[in-house]
Amino acid sequence: MVSKCKFLIPALLAVMLTLSCDEDKNRIIPFVSVAFNVDLKIWNDLTVPGNSVVFPGAGYAGVIVYCEFEGSYYAYDAACTHEVSQTCSLKTEGILATCPCCGSKYILLGSALPSSGPASYPLQPYHVSVSGSRLYIYN
């Protein structure tokens, strides 16, 4: 009985570790810690519904913040999920983000799914919280 427990406990630990790492295995964009804020009094373009701004230097290839409507914002990494490069950051124009390297286009709503091009995965999302005239973007 004791010898069966010697194998059962390590096997259970291995299964638990494998399951806890599933989210990282499905990550296409490398993990980078993101925690910054945006003052909407300064970045007033983001107070207009349909506008987006790229913040270089944050995230893996920059962070895109999109204003759906007042009080509703989305944030995504600016790395294309097909190219996955820090040097090939997405360019935005309103609701669309385009990869200058492969031509993939993403719609910056909800899951930021690709609408055309070779990319088949959505953009890496970040959390956005609104407090007064400040946006907090974090993972």
C-alpha atoms as a PDB file:
ATOM      1  CA  MET A   1       0.000   0.000   0.000  1.00  0.00           C
ATOM      2  CA  VAL A   2       2.811   2.442   0.879  1.00  0.00           C
ATOM      3  CA  SER A   3       4.584   1.794  -2.443  1.00  0.00           C
ATOM      4  CA  LYS A   4       1.402   2.730  -4.398  1.00  0.00           C
ATOM      5  CA  CYS A   5       1.265   6.078  -2.561  1.00  0.00           C
ATOM      6  CA  LYS A   6       4.886   6.770  -3.543  1.00  0.00           C
ATOM      7  CA  PHE A   7       3.794   6.836  -7.188  1.00  0.00           C
ATOM      8  CA  LEU A   8       0.316   8.307  -6.736  1.00  0.00           C
ATOM      9  CA  ILE A   9       1.367  11.559  -5.061  1.00  0.00           C
ATOM     10  CA  PRO A  10       4.034  12.516  -7.663  1.00  0.00           C
ATOM     11  CA  ALA A  11       1.600  11.592 -10.454  1.00  0.00           C
ATOM     12  CA  LEU A  12      -1.112  13.838  -8.987  1.00  0.00           C
ATOM     13  CA  LEU A  13       1.356  16.704  -8.585  1.00  0.00           C
ATOM     14  CA  ALA A  14       2.472  16.341 -12.202  1.00  0.00           C
ATOM     15  CA  VAL A  15      -1.139  16.446 -13.432  1.00  0.00           C
ATOM     16  CA  MET A  16      -1.913  19.561 -11.335  1.00  0.00           C
ATOM     17  CA  LEU A  17       1.189  21.376 -12.594  1.00  0.00           C
ATOM     18  CA  THR A  18       0.350  20.515 -16.191  1.00  0.00           C
ATOM     19  CA  LEU A  19      -3.213  21.802 -15.862  1.00  0.00           C
ATOM     20  CA  SER A  20      -2.124  25.032 -14.187  1.00  0.00           C
ATOM     21  CA  CYS A  21       0.236  25.839 -17.060  1.00  0.00           C
ATOM     22  CA  ASP A  22      -2.347  25.355 -19.851  1.00  0.00           C
ATOM     23  CA  GLU A  23      -3.051  29.101 -20.127  1.00  0.00           C
ATOM     24  CA  ASP A  24       0.638  29.864 -20.773  1.00  0.00           C
ATOM     25  CA  LYS A  25       0.888  27.080 -23.357  1.00  0.00           C
ATOM     26  CA  ASN A  26      -1.919  28.700 -25.369  1.00  0.00           C
ATOM     27  CA  ARG A  27      -0.309  32.165 -25.189  1.00  0.00           C
ATOM     28  CA  ILE A  28       0.999  33.283 -28.568  1.00  0.00           C
ATOM     29  CA  ILE A  29       2.472  36.626 -27.496  1.00  0.00           C
ATOM     30  CA  PRO A  30       5.237  36.265 -24.875  1.00  0.00           C
ATOM     31  CA  PHE A  31       4.212  37.374 -21.386  1.00  0.00           C
ATOM     32  CA  VAL A  32       5.285  40.864 -20.381  1.00  0.00           C
ATOM     33  CA  SER A  33       4.099  42.521 -17.199  1.00  0.00           C
ATOM     34  CA  VAL A  34       1.799  45.444 -18.013  1.00  0.00           C
ATOM     35  CA  ALA A  35       0.709  48.070 -15.484  1.00  0.00           C
ATOM     36  CA  PHE A  36       0.330  51.701 -16.515  1.00  0.00           C
ATOM     37  CA  ASN A  37      -2.288  54.437 -16.534  1.00  0.00           C
ATOM     38  CA  VAL A  38      -3.554  56.883 -19.121  1.00  0.00           C
ATOM     39  CA  ASP A  39      -4.805  60.344 -18.220  1.00  0.00           C
ATOM     40  CA  LEU A  40      -7.764  61.061 -20.534  1.00  0.00           C
ATOM     41  CA  LYS A  41      -7.280  64.808 -19.973  1.00  0.00           C
ATOM     42  CA  ILE A  42      -3.950  64.471 -21.798  1.00  0.00           C
ATOM     43  CA  TRP A  43      -4.881  61.690 -24.243  1.00  0.00           C
ATOM     44  CA  ASN A  44      -8.229  63.271 -25.135  1.00  0.00           C
ATOM     45  CA  ASP A  45      -8.314  61.398 -28.495  1.00  0.00           C
ATOM     46  CA  LEU A  46      -9.394  58.428 -26.376  1.00  0.00           C
ATOM     47  CA  THR A  47     -12.515  60.262 -25.211  1.00  0.00           C
ATOM     48  CA  VAL A  48     -13.926  60.059 -28.761  1.00  0.00           C
ATOM     49  CA  PRO A  49     -15.742  56.774 -29.534  1.00  0.00           C
ATOM     50  CA  GLY A  50     -14.033  54.834 -32.314  1.00  0.00           C
ATOM     51  CA  ASN A  51     -10.551  56.257 -31.680  1.00  0.00           C
ATOM     52  CA  SER A  52      -7.501  54.202 -30.769  1.00  0.00           C
ATOM     53  CA  VAL A  53      -3.974  55.029 -29.605  1.00  0.00           C
ATOM     54  CA  VAL A  54      -0.823  52.883 -29.511  1.00  0.00           C
ATOM     55  CA  PHE A  55       1.401  53.253 -26.442  1.00  0.00           C
ATOM     56  CA  PRO A  56       4.888  52.068 -27.457  1.00  0.00           C
ATOM     57  CA  GLY A  57       7.173  50.722 -24.768  1.00  0.00           C
ATOM     58  CA  ALA A  58       4.372  48.929 -22.929  1.00  0.00           C
ATOM     59  CA  GLY A  59       3.496  45.255 -23.398  1.00  0.00           C
ATOM     60  CA  TYR A  60       5.441  43.108 -25.845  1.00  0.00           C
ATOM     61  CA  ALA A  61       5.167  45.363 -28.925  1.00  0.00           C
ATOM     62  CA  GLY A  62       3.242  48.303 -27.476  1.00  0.00           C
ATOM     63  CA  VAL A  63      -0.317  48.510 -26.160  1.00  0.00           C
ATOM     64  CA  ILE A  64      -3.338  49.572 -28.203  1.00  0.00           C
ATOM     65  CA  VAL A  65      -6.163  51.282 -26.310  1.00  0.00           C
ATOM     66  CA  TYR A  66      -9.498  51.577 -28.135  1.00  0.00           C
ATOM     67  CA  CYS A  67     -12.506  53.667 -27.052  1.00  0.00           C
ATOM     68  CA  GLU A  68     -15.775  51.880 -27.871  1.00  0.00           C
ATOM     69  CA  PHE A  69     -17.873  54.608 -26.227  1.00  0.00           C
ATOM     70  CA  GLU A  70     -17.479  56.863 -23.190  1.00  0.00           C
ATOM     71  CA  GLY A  71     -16.468  54.668 -20.252  1.00  0.00           C
ATOM     72  CA  SER A  72     -15.889  51.524 -22.370  1.00  0.00           C
ATOM     73  CA  TYR A  73     -12.318  50.743 -23.406  1.00  0.00           C
ATOM     74  CA  TYR A  74     -10.370  47.794 -24.753  1.00  0.00           C
ATOM     75  CA  ALA A  75      -6.603  47.248 -24.550  1.00  0.00           C
ATOM     76  CA  TYR A  76      -4.509  44.785 -26.568  1.00  0.00           C
ATOM     77  CA  ASP A  77      -0.870  44.077 -27.211  1.00  0.00           C
ATOM     78  CA  ALA A  78       0.224  45.671 -30.492  1.00  0.00           C
ATOM     79  CA  ALA A  79       2.028  42.491 -31.591  1.00  0.00           C
ATOM     80  CA  CYS A  80       0.536  40.655 -34.570  1.00  0.00           C
ATOM     81  CA  THR A  81      -0.384  37.089 -33.657  1.00  0.00           C
ATOM     82  CA  HIS A  82       0.975  35.870 -37.004  1.00  0.00           C
ATOM     83  CA  GLU A  83       4.322  37.720 -37.018  1.00  0.00           C
ATOM     84  CA  VAL A  84       4.924  37.811 -33.204  1.00  0.00           C
ATOM     85  CA  SER A  85       7.655  40.420 -33.363  1.00  0.00           C
ATOM     86  CA  GLN A  86       8.487  43.426 -31.197  1.00  0.00           C
ATOM     87  CA  THR A  87       9.750  45.286 -34.256  1.00  0.00           C
ATOM     88  CA  CYS A  88       6.562  44.812 -36.300  1.00  0.00           C
ATOM     89  CA  SER A  89       4.011  46.697 -34.197  1.00  0.00           C
ATOM     90  CA  LEU A  90       0.426  47.052 -35.417  1.00  0.00           C
ATOM     91  CA  LYS A  91      -0.710  50.396 -36.821  1.00  0.00           C
ATOM     92  CA  THR A  92      -4.178  51.626 -35.874  1.00  0.00           C
ATOM     93  CA  GLU A  93      -6.822  53.640 -37.628  1.00  0.00           C
ATOM     94  CA  GLY A  94      -9.948  53.893 -35.524  1.00  0.00           C
ATOM     95  CA  ILE A  95     -11.458  50.432 -35.042  1.00  0.00           C
ATOM     96  CA  LEU A  96      -8.889  48.639 -37.246  1.00  0.00           C
ATOM     97  CA  ALA A  97      -5.345  47.554 -36.434  1.00  0.00           C
ATOM     98  CA  THR A  98      -3.126  46.459 -39.322  1.00  0.00           C
ATOM     99  CA  CYS A  99       0.161  44.555 -39.317  1.00  0.00           C
ATOM    100  CA  PRO A 100       2.642  46.355 -41.601  1.00  0.00           C
ATOM    101  CA  CYS A 101       4.593  43.094 -42.067  1.00  0.00           C
ATOM    102  CA  CYS A 102       1.966  40.487 -43.051  1.00  0.00           C
ATOM    103  CA  GLY A 103      -1.088  42.670 -43.748  1.00  0.00           C
ATOM    104  CA  SER A 104      -3.349  41.023 -41.158  1.00  0.00           C
ATOM    105  CA  LYS A 105      -6.188  43.268 -39.980  1.00  0.00           C
ATOM    106  CA  TYR A 106      -7.898  43.079 -36.592  1.00  0.00           C
ATOM    107  CA  ILE A 107     -11.174  44.607 -35.419  1.00  0.00           C
ATOM    108  CA  LEU A 108     -10.542  46.257 -32.024  1.00  0.00           C
ATOM    109  CA  LEU A 109     -13.794  45.178 -30.367  1.00  0.00           C
ATOM    110  CA  GLY A 110     -14.485  42.338 -27.979  1.00  0.00           C
ATOM    111  CA  SER A 111     -11.918  39.656 -28.727  1.00  0.00           C
ATOM    112  CA  ALA A 112      -9.985  41.622 -31.413  1.00  0.00           C
ATOM    113  CA  LEU A 113     -10.357  38.836 -33.954  1.00  0.00           C
ATOM    114  CA  PRO A 114      -8.497  39.015 -37.271  1.00  0.00           C
ATOM    115  CA  SER A 115     -10.759  40.138 -40.125  1.00  0.00           C
ATOM    116  CA  SER A 116      -8.311  39.451 -42.972  1.00  0.00           C
ATOM    117  CA  GLY A 117      -4.770  38.312 -43.680  1.00  0.00           C
ATOM    118  CA  PRO A 118      -2.832  35.243 -42.528  1.00  0.00           C
ATOM    119  CA  ALA A 119      -3.384  35.764 -38.761  1.00  0.00           C
ATOM    120  CA  SER A 120      -5.778  33.258 -37.216  1.00  0.00           C
ATOM    121  CA  TYR A 121      -5.599  34.202 -33.511  1.00  0.00           C
ATOM    122  CA  PRO A 122      -7.019  37.280 -31.759  1.00  0.00           C
ATOM    123  CA  LEU A 123      -4.831  39.958 -30.204  1.00  0.00           C
ATOM    124  CA  GLN A 124      -3.537  39.490 -26.661  1.00  0.00           C
ATOM    125  CA  PRO A 125      -5.974  41.404 -24.404  1.00  0.00           C
ATOM    126  CA  TYR A 126      -5.188  43.396 -21.282  1.00  0.00           C
ATOM    127  CA  HIS A 127      -7.540  44.531 -18.520  1.00  0.00           C
ATOM    128  CA  VAL A 128      -8.796  48.118 -18.475  1.00  0.00           C
ATOM    129  CA  SER A 129     -10.308  49.792 -15.456  1.00  0.00           C
ATOM    130  CA  VAL A 130     -11.708  53.329 -15.476  1.00  0.00           C
ATOM    131  CA  SER A 131     -11.574  55.703 -12.535  1.00  0.00           C
ATOM    132  CA  GLY A 132     -12.635  59.279 -13.268  1.00  0.00           C
ATOM    133  CA  SER A 133     -10.434  60.537 -16.086  1.00  0.00           C
ATOM    134  CA  ARG A 134      -7.843  57.749 -15.706  1.00  0.00           C
ATOM    135  CA  LEU A 135      -7.578  54.404 -17.416  1.00  0.00           C
ATOM    136  CA  TYR A 136      -5.576  51.657 -15.734  1.00  0.00           C
ATOM    137  CA  ILE A 137      -4.219  49.016 -18.122  1.00  0.00           C
ATOM    138  CA  TYR A 138      -2.813  45.835 -16.600  1.00  0.00           C
ATOM    139  CA  ASN A 139      -2.543  42.056 -16.951  1.00  0.00           C
END
